[in-house]
Amino acid sequence: MNGQYTSLLYIVVIIGVFYFLLIRPQQQRTKQQREMLSELEPGAEILTIGGVFATVVSVGDRIRVRLVDGAEMEIVKNAVAQVVPASDAQDDDAPANVESSEPAEDAESDVAE
């Protein structure tokens, strides 16, 4: 009889571990996603699940977004991966500093002279 209770206790512990390691974190992520989508408003910078950065134009059943080149498109709400913080959005708009390098032939001729 004691062995039956021990087996039952192991099963309860395993179910508890699964709940706290798998189910509960997923529920929290789902809740955070719903909160983010409910707080979404026009003008917000977003990142889609496809890796596209866009600015929210309007929010309804679908979200209308404006891309960098000015084109607009509609996406479903679940396609929003995250809202980009304002500081990150400004950094993305800044042009990247690209250093031009001399071709290898020119570099070798400068050394030979």
Foldseek 3Di string as FASTA:
>chain_A
DVVVVVVVVVVVVVVVVCCVPPVVVVVVVVVVLVVQLVPDAFQWWFAFPVGFIWTFHGDDQWTWTAGPVGDIDTGGSNRTPHTDDPVVVVVVPDDDDDDDDDPPVVVVVVVVD
